[in-house]
Amino acid sequence: MTIVPLDLAAKVDAYAQKMERSRGWIVKQALADWIDWGKGKLTMTFAALAEADSGRFAEDEDVA
């Protein structure tokens, strides 16, 4: 079982109070946003790997 560090829990509670939301709502929202971000990152990673596998790379002058 993972336990949230007290300082992080305090930040969540403070934010929840400012937002007039529950701690659970804040945590669910954060997890949903993090998962969406991760999916996007994974999609971009696979697209970049596919480009590399096909031999398409940035030109040196484009990188510079």
N, C-alpha and C. Protein backbone atom coordinates (compact mmCIF):
# COMPACT_ATOMS: atom_id res chain seq x y z
N MET A 1 0.84 -1.18 0.00
CA MET A 1 0.00 0.00 0.00
C MET A 1 0.89 1.25 0.00
N THR A 2 0.62 2.16 -0.91
CA THR A 2 1.37 3.40 -0.99
C THR A 2 0.66 4.47 -0.16
N ILE A 3 1.42 5.21 0.59
CA ILE A 3 0.87 6.27 1.41
C ILE A 3 1.32 7.60 0.85
N VAL A 4 0.40 8.54 0.77
CA VAL A 4 0.72 9.88 0.29
C VAL A 4 1.50 10.61 1.37
N PRO A 5 2.65 11.21 1.02
CA PRO A 5 3.39 11.98 2.01
C PRO A 5 2.53 13.11 2.59
N LEU A 6 2.73 13.39 3.87
CA LEU A 6 1.91 14.39 4.55
C LEU A 6 1.96 15.76 3.88
N ASP A 7 3.14 16.17 3.41
CA ASP A 7 3.24 17.48 2.77
C ASP A 7 2.44 17.54 1.47
N LEU A 8 2.41 16.45 0.73
CA LEU A 8 1.62 16.41 -0.50
C LEU A 8 0.13 16.39 -0.17
N ALA A 9 -0.25 15.61 0.85
CA ALA A 9 -1.66 15.58 1.26
C ALA A 9 -2.12 16.96 1.70
N ALA A 10 -1.26 17.69 2.39
CA ALA A 10 -1.61 19.05 2.83
C ALA A 10 -1.81 19.97 1.62
N LYS A 11 -0.98 19.82 0.61
CA LYS A 11 -1.14 20.63 -0.61
C LYS A 11 -2.45 20.30 -1.31
N VAL A 12 -2.78 19.02 -1.38
CA VAL A 12 -4.04 18.60 -1.99
C VAL A 12 -5.21 19.19 -1.21
N ASP A 13 -5.15 19.09 0.11
CA ASP A 13 -6.23 19.62 0.94
C ASP A 13 -6.37 21.13 0.77
N ALA A 14 -5.25 21.85 0.73
CA ALA A 14 -5.31 23.30 0.56
C ALA A 14 -5.90 23.67 -0.79
N TYR A 15 -5.49 22.95 -1.82
CA TYR A 15 -6.02 23.21 -3.16
C TYR A 15 -7.52 22.88 -3.23
N ALA A 16 -7.89 21.77 -2.63
CA ALA A 16 -9.30 21.37 -2.61
C ALA A 16 -10.15 22.43 -1.92
N GLN A 17 -9.64 22.96 -0.84
CA GLN A 17 -10.38 24.00 -0.12
C GLN A 17 -10.54 25.25 -0.98
N LYS A 18 -9.47 25.67 -1.66
CA LYS A 18 -9.54 26.84 -2.53
C LYS A 18 -10.51 26.63 -3.69
N MET A 19 -10.54 25.41 -4.19
CA MET A 19 -11.41 25.08 -5.32
C MET A 19 -12.84 24.73 -4.89
N GLU A 20 -13.03 24.67 -3.58
CA GLU A 20 -14.33 24.27 -3.02
C GLU A 20 -14.75 22.90 -3.56
N ARG A 21 -13.80 21.99 -3.54
CA ARG A 21 -14.00 20.61 -3.98
C ARG A 21 -13.49 19.68 -2.90
N SER A 22 -13.85 18.41 -3.01
CA SER A 22 -13.37 17.42 -2.05
C SER A 22 -11.96 16.98 -2.43
N ARG A 23 -11.26 16.42 -1.47
CA ARG A 23 -9.94 15.84 -1.71
C ARG A 23 -10.04 14.78 -2.81
N GLY A 24 -11.05 13.93 -2.71
CA GLY A 24 -11.24 12.87 -3.70
C GLY A 24 -11.43 13.41 -5.11
N TRP A 25 -12.18 14.50 -5.24
CA TRP A 25 -12.41 15.08 -6.55
C TRP A 25 -11.09 15.57 -7.15
N ILE A 26 -10.27 16.24 -6.32
CA ILE A 26 -8.99 16.74 -6.79
C ILE A 26 -8.09 15.59 -7.23
N VAL A 27 -8.04 14.54 -6.45
CA VAL A 27 -7.18 13.40 -6.77
C VAL A 27 -7.67 12.71 -8.05
N LYS A 28 -8.98 12.51 -8.18
CA LYS A 28 -9.51 11.87 -9.40
C LYS A 28 -9.20 12.73 -10.63
N GLN A 29 -9.36 14.04 -10.50
CA GLN A 29 -9.08 14.94 -11.61
C GLN A 29 -7.61 14.88 -11.99
N ALA A 30 -6.74 14.88 -10.98
CA ALA A 30 -5.30 14.83 -11.24
C ALA A 30 -4.90 13.52 -11.92
N LEU A 31 -5.46 12.42 -11.47
CA LEU A 31 -5.14 11.13 -12.09
C LEU A 31 -5.64 11.06 -13.52
N ALA A 32 -6.84 11.55 -13.77
CA ALA A 32 -7.39 11.54 -15.12
C ALA A 32 -6.52 12.38 -16.06
N ASP A 33 -6.12 13.57 -15.58
CA ASP A 33 -5.27 14.44 -16.41
C ASP A 33 -3.91 13.80 -16.66
N TRP A 34 -3.34 13.15 -15.64
CA TRP A 34 -2.04 12.51 -15.78
C TRP A 34 -2.10 11.36 -16.78
N ILE A 35 -3.17 10.58 -16.72
CA ILE A 35 -3.32 9.47 -17.67
C ILE A 35 -3.47 9.99 -19.08
N ASP A 36 -4.27 11.05 -19.28
CA ASP A 36 -4.42 11.63 -20.61
C ASP A 36 -3.07 12.14 -21.13
N TRP A 37 -2.29 12.81 -20.25
CA TRP A 37 -0.97 13.31 -20.63
C TRP A 37 -0.07 12.13 -21.03
N GLY A 38 -0.11 11.07 -20.25
CA GLY A 38 0.72 9.90 -20.53
C GLY A 38 0.36 9.24 -21.84
N LYS A 39 -0.93 9.17 -22.13
CA LYS A 39 -1.37 8.59 -23.41
C LYS A 39 -0.84 9.40 -24.57
N GLY A 40 -0.92 10.72 -24.46
CA GLY A 40 -0.41 11.59 -25.52
C GLY A 40 1.08 11.43 -25.70
N LYS A 41 1.80 11.37 -24.60
CA LYS A 41 3.25 11.19 -24.66
C LYS A 41 3.60 9.86 -25.32
N LEU A 42 2.88 8.82 -24.95
CA LEU A 42 3.13 7.49 -25.52
C LEU A 42 2.83 7.48 -27.02
N THR A 43 1.75 8.12 -27.41
CA THR A 43 1.39 8.20 -28.83
C THR A 43 2.48 8.91 -29.62
N MET A 44 2.99 10.04 -29.08
CA MET A 44 4.06 10.77 -29.77
C MET A 44 5.35 9.95 -29.83
N THR A 45 5.62 9.20 -28.77
CA THR A 45 6.83 8.36 -28.75
C THR A 45 6.76 7.29 -29.83
N PHE A 46 5.62 6.62 -29.93
CA PHE A 46 5.46 5.57 -30.95
C PHE A 46 5.52 6.16 -32.35
N ALA A 47 4.96 7.36 -32.54
CA ALA A 47 5.03 8.01 -33.85
C ALA A 47 6.47 8.35 -34.20
N ALA A 48 7.24 8.85 -33.24
CA ALA A 48 8.65 9.17 -33.49
C ALA A 48 9.46 7.92 -33.79
N LEU A 49 9.19 6.84 -33.07
CA LEU A 49 9.89 5.58 -33.34
C LEU A 49 9.56 5.05 -34.72
N ALA A 50 8.30 5.20 -35.14
CA ALA A 50 7.91 4.75 -36.48
C ALA A 50 8.64 5.57 -37.54
N GLU A 51 8.77 6.87 -37.32
CA GLU A 51 9.51 7.71 -38.27
C GLU A 51 10.97 7.28 -38.34
N ALA A 52 11.56 7.01 -37.19
CA ALA A 52 12.96 6.58 -37.16
C ALA A 52 13.12 5.24 -37.85
N ASP A 53 12.21 4.33 -37.62
CA ASP A 53 12.26 3.01 -38.26
C ASP A 53 12.14 3.12 -39.77
N SER A 54 11.40 4.14 -40.24
CA SER A 54 11.25 4.31 -41.69
C SER A 54 12.42 5.06 -42.31
N GLY A 55 13.37 5.51 -41.46
CA GLY A 55 14.55 6.19 -41.97
C GLY A 55 14.41 7.69 -42.07
N ARG A 56 13.31 8.24 -41.57
CA ARG A 56 13.12 9.69 -41.63
C ARG A 56 13.71 10.32 -40.37
N PHE A 57 14.71 11.16 -40.57
CA PHE A 57 15.37 11.85 -39.47
C PHE A 57 15.47 13.33 -39.80
N ALA A 58 15.64 14.15 -38.78
CA ALA A 58 15.84 15.58 -38.99
C ALA A 58 17.22 15.81 -39.58
N GLU A 59 17.31 16.77 -40.47
CA GLU A 59 18.60 17.14 -41.04
C GLU A 59 19.42 17.89 -40.01
N ASP A 60 20.75 17.78 -40.10
CA ASP A 60 21.64 18.44 -39.14
C ASP A 60 21.36 19.94 -39.06
N GLU A 61 21.17 20.58 -40.20
CA GLU A 61 20.96 22.04 -40.19
C GLU A 61 19.61 22.40 -39.55
N ASP A 62 18.62 21.52 -39.65
CA ASP A 62 17.32 21.77 -39.01
C ASP A 62 17.44 21.70 -37.49
N VAL A 63 18.27 20.78 -37.01
CA VAL A 63 18.47 20.62 -35.57
C VAL A 63 19.25 21.81 -35.01
N ALA A 64 20.25 22.24 -35.76
CA ALA A 64 21.08 23.38 -35.32
C ALA A 64 20.25 24.63 -35.33
